[in-house]
Every structure is written in structure tokens, then in C-alpha cells.
N, C-alpha and C. Protein backbone atom coordinates (compact mmCIF):
# COMPACT_ATOMS: atom_id res chain seq x y z
N MET A 1 -13.05 -1.15 -16.62
CA MET A 1 -12.14 -0.92 -15.52
C MET A 1 -11.66 0.53 -15.53
N SER A 2 -12.33 1.36 -16.29
CA SER A 2 -11.91 2.76 -16.34
C SER A 2 -12.42 3.56 -15.16
N GLU A 3 -13.45 3.09 -14.51
CA GLU A 3 -14.04 3.81 -13.38
C GLU A 3 -13.73 3.09 -12.07
N LEU A 4 -13.34 3.85 -11.08
CA LEU A 4 -13.05 3.26 -9.76
C LEU A 4 -14.34 3.08 -8.98
N THR A 5 -14.49 1.93 -8.36
CA THR A 5 -15.65 1.68 -7.51
C THR A 5 -15.33 2.17 -6.10
N THR A 6 -16.34 2.12 -5.25
CA THR A 6 -16.13 2.51 -3.86
C THR A 6 -15.13 1.59 -3.17
N ALA A 7 -15.20 0.31 -3.46
CA ALA A 7 -14.25 -0.64 -2.86
C ALA A 7 -12.82 -0.34 -3.32
N ASP A 8 -12.66 0.04 -4.60
CA ASP A 8 -11.34 0.40 -5.10
C ASP A 8 -10.79 1.61 -4.35
N ARG A 9 -11.63 2.59 -4.16
CA ARG A 9 -11.18 3.81 -3.46
C ARG A 9 -10.84 3.53 -2.00
N ILE A 10 -11.67 2.72 -1.34
CA ILE A 10 -11.39 2.39 0.06
C ILE A 10 -10.05 1.66 0.17
N ALA A 11 -9.81 0.72 -0.72
CA ALA A 11 -8.56 -0.04 -0.68
C ALA A 11 -7.37 0.85 -0.99
N MET A 12 -7.49 1.68 -2.01
CA MET A 12 -6.36 2.53 -2.39
C MET A 12 -6.07 3.60 -1.35
N TYR A 13 -7.08 4.36 -1.01
CA TYR A 13 -6.86 5.48 -0.11
C TYR A 13 -6.78 5.04 1.35
N GLY A 14 -7.65 4.12 1.75
CA GLY A 14 -7.64 3.67 3.14
C GLY A 14 -6.45 2.80 3.46
N GLY A 15 -6.31 1.70 2.73
CA GLY A 15 -5.20 0.77 2.98
C GLY A 15 -3.85 1.38 2.66
N GLY A 16 -3.76 1.99 1.48
CA GLY A 16 -2.49 2.61 1.10
C GLY A 16 -2.11 3.77 2.00
N GLY A 17 -3.11 4.55 2.39
CA GLY A 17 -2.83 5.67 3.29
C GLY A 17 -2.33 5.21 4.65
N LEU A 18 -2.93 4.15 5.19
CA LEU A 18 -2.48 3.64 6.48
C LEU A 18 -1.06 3.07 6.40
N VAL A 19 -0.76 2.37 5.31
CA VAL A 19 0.60 1.83 5.17
C VAL A 19 1.61 2.97 5.04
N LEU A 20 1.28 3.99 4.24
CA LEU A 20 2.19 5.12 4.09
C LEU A 20 2.36 5.90 5.39
N ILE A 21 1.28 6.10 6.11
CA ILE A 21 1.38 6.79 7.39
C ILE A 21 2.24 6.00 8.36
N GLY A 22 2.02 4.68 8.40
CA GLY A 22 2.78 3.85 9.33
C GLY A 22 4.25 3.76 8.99
N VAL A 23 4.58 3.68 7.72
CA VAL A 23 5.98 3.51 7.33
C VAL A 23 6.67 4.86 7.19
N VAL A 24 6.16 5.71 6.30
CA VAL A 24 6.83 6.96 5.99
C VAL A 24 6.51 8.04 7.02
N GLY A 25 5.23 8.25 7.28
CA GLY A 25 4.84 9.35 8.17
C GLY A 25 5.41 9.24 9.57
N ILE A 26 5.20 8.09 10.19
CA ILE A 26 5.71 7.92 11.56
C ILE A 26 7.23 7.80 11.54
N GLY A 27 7.80 7.26 10.47
CA GLY A 27 9.26 7.18 10.36
C GLY A 27 9.90 8.56 10.31
N VAL A 28 9.34 9.46 9.50
CA VAL A 28 9.86 10.83 9.43
C VAL A 28 9.64 11.54 10.75
N LEU A 29 8.50 11.33 11.36
CA LEU A 29 8.21 11.93 12.67
C LEU A 29 9.23 11.48 13.71
N GLU A 30 9.57 10.21 13.69
CA GLU A 30 10.57 9.68 14.62
C GLU A 30 11.94 10.29 14.37
N MET A 31 12.29 10.45 13.10
CA MET A 31 13.60 11.02 12.78
C MET A 31 13.70 12.48 13.21
N LEU A 32 12.62 13.24 13.00
CA LEU A 32 12.67 14.67 13.30
C LEU A 32 12.47 14.97 14.77
N LEU A 33 11.52 14.31 15.41
CA LEU A 33 11.15 14.66 16.77
C LEU A 33 11.48 13.61 17.81
N GLY A 34 11.93 12.46 17.38
CA GLY A 34 12.18 11.36 18.30
C GLY A 34 13.39 11.61 19.18
N SER A 35 13.49 10.82 20.20
CA SER A 35 14.61 10.97 21.13
C SER A 35 15.87 10.36 20.52
N PRO A 36 17.03 10.85 20.93
CA PRO A 36 18.27 10.25 20.44
C PRO A 36 18.41 8.83 21.00
N HIS A 37 19.27 8.06 20.42
CA HIS A 37 19.46 6.67 20.82
C HIS A 37 20.81 6.53 21.53
N PRO A 38 20.84 6.87 22.81
CA PRO A 38 22.12 6.77 23.51
C PRO A 38 22.53 5.31 23.72
N VAL A 39 23.83 5.11 23.80
CA VAL A 39 24.36 3.78 24.06
C VAL A 39 24.72 3.71 25.54
N SER A 40 24.23 2.67 26.21
CA SER A 40 24.52 2.52 27.63
C SER A 40 25.97 2.08 27.81
N GLY A 41 26.41 2.01 29.04
CA GLY A 41 27.77 1.60 29.34
C GLY A 41 28.08 0.18 28.90
N GLU A 42 27.08 -0.64 28.74
CA GLU A 42 27.27 -2.03 28.34
C GLU A 42 27.21 -2.19 26.82
N GLY A 43 27.03 -1.11 26.07
CA GLY A 43 26.96 -1.17 24.62
C GLY A 43 25.57 -1.42 24.08
N GLN A 44 24.59 -1.39 24.94
CA GLN A 44 23.21 -1.62 24.51
C GLN A 44 22.57 -0.29 24.12
N ILE A 45 21.86 -0.27 23.01
CA ILE A 45 21.19 0.95 22.56
C ILE A 45 19.85 1.05 23.27
N VAL A 46 19.61 2.18 23.91
CA VAL A 46 18.36 2.43 24.61
C VAL A 46 17.45 3.19 23.65
N HIS A 47 16.31 2.61 23.32
CA HIS A 47 15.41 3.22 22.35
C HIS A 47 14.07 3.53 23.01
N GLU A 48 13.72 4.80 22.99
CA GLU A 48 12.41 5.23 23.47
C GLU A 48 11.70 5.87 22.29
N ALA A 49 10.72 5.20 21.75
CA ALA A 49 10.02 5.69 20.56
C ALA A 49 9.02 6.78 20.92
N LEU A 50 8.93 7.76 20.04
CA LEU A 50 7.93 8.82 20.19
C LEU A 50 6.53 8.22 20.03
N VAL A 51 6.35 7.41 19.00
CA VAL A 51 5.11 6.66 18.78
C VAL A 51 5.43 5.21 19.14
N PRO A 52 4.66 4.60 20.04
CA PRO A 52 4.96 3.22 20.43
C PRO A 52 5.02 2.28 19.22
N LEU A 53 5.96 1.37 19.26
CA LEU A 53 6.16 0.46 18.14
C LEU A 53 4.92 -0.39 17.86
N GLU A 54 4.18 -0.74 18.91
CA GLU A 54 2.96 -1.53 18.71
C GLU A 54 1.93 -0.74 17.91
N MET A 55 1.79 0.55 18.20
CA MET A 55 0.82 1.37 17.47
C MET A 55 1.22 1.50 16.00
N ARG A 56 2.51 1.71 15.76
CA ARG A 56 3.00 1.81 14.38
C ARG A 56 2.73 0.50 13.63
N SER A 57 3.00 -0.61 14.30
CA SER A 57 2.76 -1.91 13.67
C SER A 57 1.29 -2.13 13.38
N TYR A 58 0.42 -1.74 14.32
CA TYR A 58 -1.01 -1.93 14.11
C TYR A 58 -1.53 -1.08 12.95
N VAL A 59 -1.01 0.12 12.78
CA VAL A 59 -1.43 0.98 11.67
C VAL A 59 -1.05 0.32 10.34
N ILE A 60 0.17 -0.19 10.24
CA ILE A 60 0.62 -0.85 9.02
C ILE A 60 -0.17 -2.12 8.77
N LEU A 61 -0.39 -2.92 9.82
CA LEU A 61 -1.14 -4.17 9.66
C LEU A 61 -2.59 -3.92 9.27
N LEU A 62 -3.17 -2.84 9.78
CA LEU A 62 -4.54 -2.51 9.39
C LEU A 62 -4.61 -2.17 7.90
N GLY A 63 -3.61 -1.47 7.41
CA GLY A 63 -3.55 -1.19 5.97
C GLY A 63 -3.43 -2.47 5.17
N PHE A 64 -2.57 -3.40 5.61
CA PHE A 64 -2.43 -4.69 4.92
C PHE A 64 -3.72 -5.49 5.00
N LEU A 65 -4.42 -5.42 6.12
CA LEU A 65 -5.69 -6.13 6.27
C LEU A 65 -6.72 -5.60 5.28
N ILE A 66 -6.78 -4.29 5.11
CA ILE A 66 -7.71 -3.70 4.15
C ILE A 66 -7.36 -4.17 2.74
N TRP A 67 -6.07 -4.20 2.40
CA TRP A 67 -5.66 -4.70 1.09
C TRP A 67 -6.03 -6.17 0.91
N GLY A 68 -5.85 -6.96 1.94
CA GLY A 68 -6.18 -8.38 1.86
C GLY A 68 -7.67 -8.60 1.68
N LEU A 69 -8.49 -7.88 2.44
CA LEU A 69 -9.94 -7.99 2.29
C LEU A 69 -10.38 -7.53 0.91
N TYR A 70 -9.74 -6.51 0.38
CA TYR A 70 -10.06 -6.04 -0.96
C TYR A 70 -9.72 -7.11 -2.00
N ALA A 71 -8.60 -7.79 -1.84
CA ALA A 71 -8.22 -8.85 -2.77
C ALA A 71 -9.24 -9.99 -2.73
N VAL A 72 -9.68 -10.37 -1.54
CA VAL A 72 -10.69 -11.43 -1.41
C VAL A 72 -11.99 -10.98 -2.05
N TYR A 73 -12.36 -9.73 -1.84
CA TYR A 73 -13.59 -9.20 -2.45
C TYR A 73 -13.51 -9.23 -3.97
N LYS A 74 -12.38 -8.82 -4.53
CA LYS A 74 -12.24 -8.80 -5.99
C LYS A 74 -12.32 -10.20 -6.58
N VAL A 75 -11.73 -11.17 -5.90
CA VAL A 75 -11.79 -12.54 -6.39
C VAL A 75 -13.22 -13.08 -6.29
N ALA A 76 -13.89 -12.79 -5.18
CA ALA A 76 -15.24 -13.32 -4.97
C ALA A 76 -16.27 -12.60 -5.83
N ALA A 77 -16.09 -11.32 -6.08
CA ALA A 77 -17.10 -10.54 -6.79
C ALA A 77 -16.97 -10.61 -8.30
N SER A 78 -15.81 -10.98 -8.80
CA SER A 78 -15.65 -11.01 -10.25
C SER A 78 -16.23 -12.31 -10.80
N PRO A 79 -17.00 -12.20 -11.88
CA PRO A 79 -17.58 -13.40 -12.46
C PRO A 79 -16.49 -14.23 -13.15
N PRO A 80 -16.65 -15.54 -13.18
CA PRO A 80 -15.64 -16.36 -13.86
C PRO A 80 -15.67 -16.08 -15.36
N ARG A 81 -14.48 -16.06 -15.95
CA ARG A 81 -14.39 -15.79 -17.38
C ARG A 81 -14.68 -17.06 -18.17
N ARG A 82 -15.34 -16.89 -19.26
CA ARG A 82 -15.63 -18.02 -20.14
C ARG A 82 -14.50 -18.18 -21.14
N GLY A 83 -14.27 -19.42 -21.53
CA GLY A 83 -13.29 -19.66 -22.57
C GLY A 83 -11.87 -19.75 -22.08
N THR A 84 -11.65 -19.74 -20.79
CA THR A 84 -10.30 -19.89 -20.30
C THR A 84 -9.98 -21.36 -20.17
N GLY A 85 -8.77 -21.70 -20.25
CA GLY A 85 -8.37 -23.09 -20.12
C GLY A 85 -7.52 -23.50 -21.31
N THR A 86 -7.58 -24.77 -21.64
CA THR A 86 -6.73 -25.30 -22.70
C THR A 86 -7.34 -25.16 -24.08
N GLY A 87 -8.58 -24.77 -24.16
CA GLY A 87 -9.22 -24.64 -25.45
C GLY A 87 -9.95 -25.90 -25.88
N ARG A 88 -9.87 -26.93 -25.09
CA ARG A 88 -10.56 -28.19 -25.40
C ARG A 88 -11.69 -28.38 -24.42
N GLY A 89 -12.85 -28.61 -24.95
CA GLY A 89 -13.99 -28.83 -24.08
C GLY A 89 -14.24 -30.32 -23.90
N VAL A 90 -15.26 -30.64 -23.14
CA VAL A 90 -15.63 -32.04 -22.93
C VAL A 90 -16.27 -32.56 -24.20
N GLY A 91 -15.83 -33.72 -24.62
CA GLY A 91 -16.41 -34.34 -25.79
C GLY A 91 -15.86 -33.82 -27.11
N THR A 92 -14.75 -33.14 -27.11
CA THR A 92 -14.20 -32.64 -28.36
C THR A 92 -13.25 -33.62 -29.02
N GLY A 93 -13.14 -34.77 -28.44
CA GLY A 93 -12.24 -35.76 -29.00
C GLY A 93 -10.95 -35.79 -28.25
N GLY A 94 -10.02 -36.51 -28.77
CA GLY A 94 -8.74 -36.60 -28.09
C GLY A 94 -8.33 -38.03 -27.98
N ASP A 95 -7.43 -38.30 -27.14
CA ASP A 95 -6.94 -39.66 -26.97
C ASP A 95 -7.89 -40.41 -26.06
N ASP A 96 -8.69 -41.28 -26.65
CA ASP A 96 -9.64 -42.10 -25.87
C ASP A 96 -9.14 -43.49 -25.72
């Protein structure tokens, strides 16, 4: 496990990068360049996002999707380990 595979790199850089861009990158962009949030006469906050909320959500969800696919790949691609369990095999005796 000392060497990263291509799937590891795609999951780390692709999925992690998309989540960071969606959460931190677009969040900082909204804080610095976004419009102010004026309160209307009825007390309702009017919010106009610089980056549409749907796009931000899709970027984050795509990162989570990459992580999820990577997890399924790791479970499916790893060979089952031998010797796991209770330590008792079939026919080793016991309460019959």
C-alpha cells in the first residue's frame, strides 16, 4: 500500500478536489465577490448567488460520487483475506 494506483489518484485528486472547490473555493468566491444579502421590507433575506446553488451542489455531489465509486471499486477489487473470522474452521470440533 506504499504506492498509489491510478484509481487512488483519481479518487483523491478528482473527488477531493471537486469537494474542496465546491465547499471552500466557491464559498470564498461568494464571500469576496458575491452580492450583499439585503433584507426586504417584510424581513425576508433576498439572496442572489454569484454561482448558482444547483451548480455548487452538483460539483460537491460529483466529488462524493467519485468517492463512492472508488469505495465500491476497492471493495470489489480487493481479494478476500484468508484466516479472518473466529478462528474455527468447519470440522474442528465443538459442541455437537
